[in-house]
Amino acid sequence: MGERRTGEAAMAKLAGSEAATYCSHQAIQILGGMGYVSSMPAERYYRDARITEIYEGTSEIQKLVIAGCLLKEYQAV
């Protein structure tokens, strides 16, 4: 098969979830009070983005996985 890429997968998930949260938060800031109205797509985008930081491993867990992989790489050298 192929090599395990746990660290890279954790980095991609962390970067993607943080980018989605940041962008949706900025959209709500631009829209002001209307950004929180449930009929606006920005409100749903923000809820969906925030949940990506929680399910399938929180952002903090992803950071621990990344750190562990980097330490293993460093110790191998």
C-alpha atoms as a PDB file:
ATOM      1  CA  MET A   1       0.000   0.000   0.000  1.00  0.00           C
ATOM      2  CA  GLY A   2       1.242   3.443   0.805  1.00  0.00           C
ATOM      3  CA  GLU A   3       2.808   5.294   3.667  1.00  0.00           C
ATOM      4  CA  ARG A   4       0.783   6.567   6.601  1.00  0.00           C
ATOM      5  CA  ARG A   5       0.349  10.321   6.412  1.00  0.00           C
ATOM      6  CA  THR A   6      -1.270  10.970   9.780  1.00  0.00           C
ATOM      7  CA  GLY A   7       0.563  14.245  10.395  1.00  0.00           C
ATOM      8  CA  GLU A   8      -0.228  15.660   6.984  1.00  0.00           C
ATOM      9  CA  ALA A   9      -3.889  14.672   7.315  1.00  0.00           C
ATOM     10  CA  ALA A  10      -4.086  16.367  10.723  1.00  0.00           C
ATOM     11  CA  MET A  11      -2.462  19.504   9.282  1.00  0.00           C
ATOM     12  CA  ALA A  12      -4.951  19.601   6.410  1.00  0.00           C
ATOM     13  CA  LYS A  13      -7.936  19.147   8.733  1.00  0.00           C
ATOM     14  CA  LEU A  14      -6.701  21.810  11.131  1.00  0.00           C
ATOM     15  CA  ALA A  15      -5.954  24.320   8.364  1.00  0.00           C
ATOM     16  CA  GLY A  16      -9.260  23.667   6.614  1.00  0.00           C
ATOM     17  CA  SER A  17     -11.410  23.963   9.718  1.00  0.00           C
ATOM     18  CA  GLU A  18      -9.643  27.128  10.897  1.00  0.00           C
ATOM     19  CA  ALA A  19      -9.920  28.721   7.438  1.00  0.00           C
ATOM     20  CA  ALA A  20     -13.629  27.897   7.188  1.00  0.00           C
ATOM     21  CA  THR A  21     -14.303  29.324  10.643  1.00  0.00           C
ATOM     22  CA  TYR A  22     -12.320  32.487   9.923  1.00  0.00           C
ATOM     23  CA  CYS A  23     -14.016  33.120   6.568  1.00  0.00           C
ATOM     24  CA  SER A  24     -17.525  32.502   7.867  1.00  0.00           C
ATOM     25  CA  HIS A  25     -16.837  34.694  10.906  1.00  0.00           C
ATOM     26  CA  GLN A  26     -15.673  37.499   8.609  1.00  0.00           C
ATOM     27  CA  ALA A  27     -18.853  37.127   6.535  1.00  0.00           C
ATOM     28  CA  ILE A  28     -20.954  37.562   9.673  1.00  0.00           C
ATOM     29  CA  GLN A  29     -18.902  40.611  10.663  1.00  0.00           C
ATOM     30  CA  ILE A  30     -19.465  42.162   7.238  1.00  0.00           C
ATOM     31  CA  LEU A  31     -23.204  41.499   7.391  1.00  0.00           C
ATOM     32  CA  GLY A  32     -23.477  42.832  10.939  1.00  0.00           C
ATOM     33  CA  GLY A  33     -26.662  41.931  12.789  1.00  0.00           C
ATOM     34  CA  MET A  34     -28.163  40.372   9.673  1.00  0.00           C
ATOM     35  CA  GLY A  35     -25.381  37.779   9.740  1.00  0.00           C
ATOM     36  CA  TYR A  36     -26.993  36.148  12.775  1.00  0.00           C
ATOM     37  CA  VAL A  37     -30.450  35.837  11.222  1.00  0.00           C
ATOM     38  CA  SER A  38     -31.207  32.194  10.489  1.00  0.00           C
ATOM     39  CA  SER A  39     -32.547  33.023   7.030  1.00  0.00           C
ATOM     40  CA  MET A  40     -29.072  34.208   5.962  1.00  0.00           C
ATOM     41  CA  PRO A  41     -26.669  31.581   4.595  1.00  0.00           C
ATOM     42  CA  ALA A  42     -23.767  33.081   6.582  1.00  0.00           C
ATOM     43  CA  GLU A  43     -25.337  31.940   9.848  1.00  0.00           C
ATOM     44  CA  ARG A  44     -25.484  28.324   8.667  1.00  0.00           C
ATOM     45  CA  TYR A  45     -21.972  28.508   7.201  1.00  0.00           C
ATOM     46  CA  TYR A  46     -20.644  29.688  10.561  1.00  0.00           C
ATOM     47  CA  ARG A  47     -22.423  26.889  12.461  1.00  0.00           C
ATOM     48  CA  ASP A  48     -21.140  24.309   9.983  1.00  0.00           C
ATOM     49  CA  ALA A  49     -17.601  25.701  10.145  1.00  0.00           C
ATOM     50  CA  ARG A  50     -17.533  25.706  13.947  1.00  0.00           C
ATOM     51  CA  ILE A  51     -18.616  22.076  14.138  1.00  0.00           C
ATOM     52  CA  THR A  52     -15.661  21.019  11.953  1.00  0.00           C
ATOM     53  CA  GLU A  53     -13.398  22.082  14.812  1.00  0.00           C
ATOM     54  CA  ILE A  54     -15.231  19.691  17.144  1.00  0.00           C
ATOM     55  CA  TYR A  55     -16.238  16.471  15.400  1.00  0.00           C
ATOM     56  CA  GLU A  56     -13.748  13.831  14.222  1.00  0.00           C
ATOM     57  CA  GLY A  57     -11.087  15.214  16.556  1.00  0.00           C
ATOM     58  CA  THR A  58     -10.995  18.676  18.008  1.00  0.00           C
ATOM     59  CA  SER A  59      -8.472  21.243  16.823  1.00  0.00           C
ATOM     60  CA  GLU A  60      -6.497  20.708  20.016  1.00  0.00           C
ATOM     61  CA  ILE A  61      -6.267  16.973  19.340  1.00  0.00           C
ATOM     62  CA  GLN A  62      -5.127  17.686  15.783  1.00  0.00           C
ATOM     63  CA  LYS A  63      -2.363  19.905  17.182  1.00  0.00           C
ATOM     64  CA  LEU A  64      -1.253  17.084  19.492  1.00  0.00           C
ATOM     65  CA  VAL A  65      -1.191  14.635  16.575  1.00  0.00           C
ATOM     66  CA  ILE A  66       0.884  17.076  14.503  1.00  0.00           C
ATOM     67  CA  ALA A  67       3.315  17.650  17.373  1.00  0.00           C
ATOM     68  CA  GLY A  68       3.674  13.913  17.944  1.00  0.00           C
ATOM     69  CA  CYS A  69       4.429  13.282  14.282  1.00  0.00           C
ATOM     70  CA  LEU A  70       6.983  16.099  14.179  1.00  0.00           C
ATOM     71  CA  LEU A  71       8.705  14.794  17.311  1.00  0.00           C
ATOM     72  CA  LYS A  72       8.907  11.298  15.812  1.00  0.00           C
ATOM     73  CA  GLU A  73      10.476  12.779  12.671  1.00  0.00           C
ATOM     74  CA  TYR A  74      12.949  14.804  14.723  1.00  0.00           C
ATOM     75  CA  GLN A  75      13.944  11.814  16.864  1.00  0.00           C
ATOM     76  CA  ALA A  76      14.528   9.708  13.756  1.00  0.00           C
ATOM     77  CA  VAL A  77      17.161  12.174  12.501  1.00  0.00           C
END
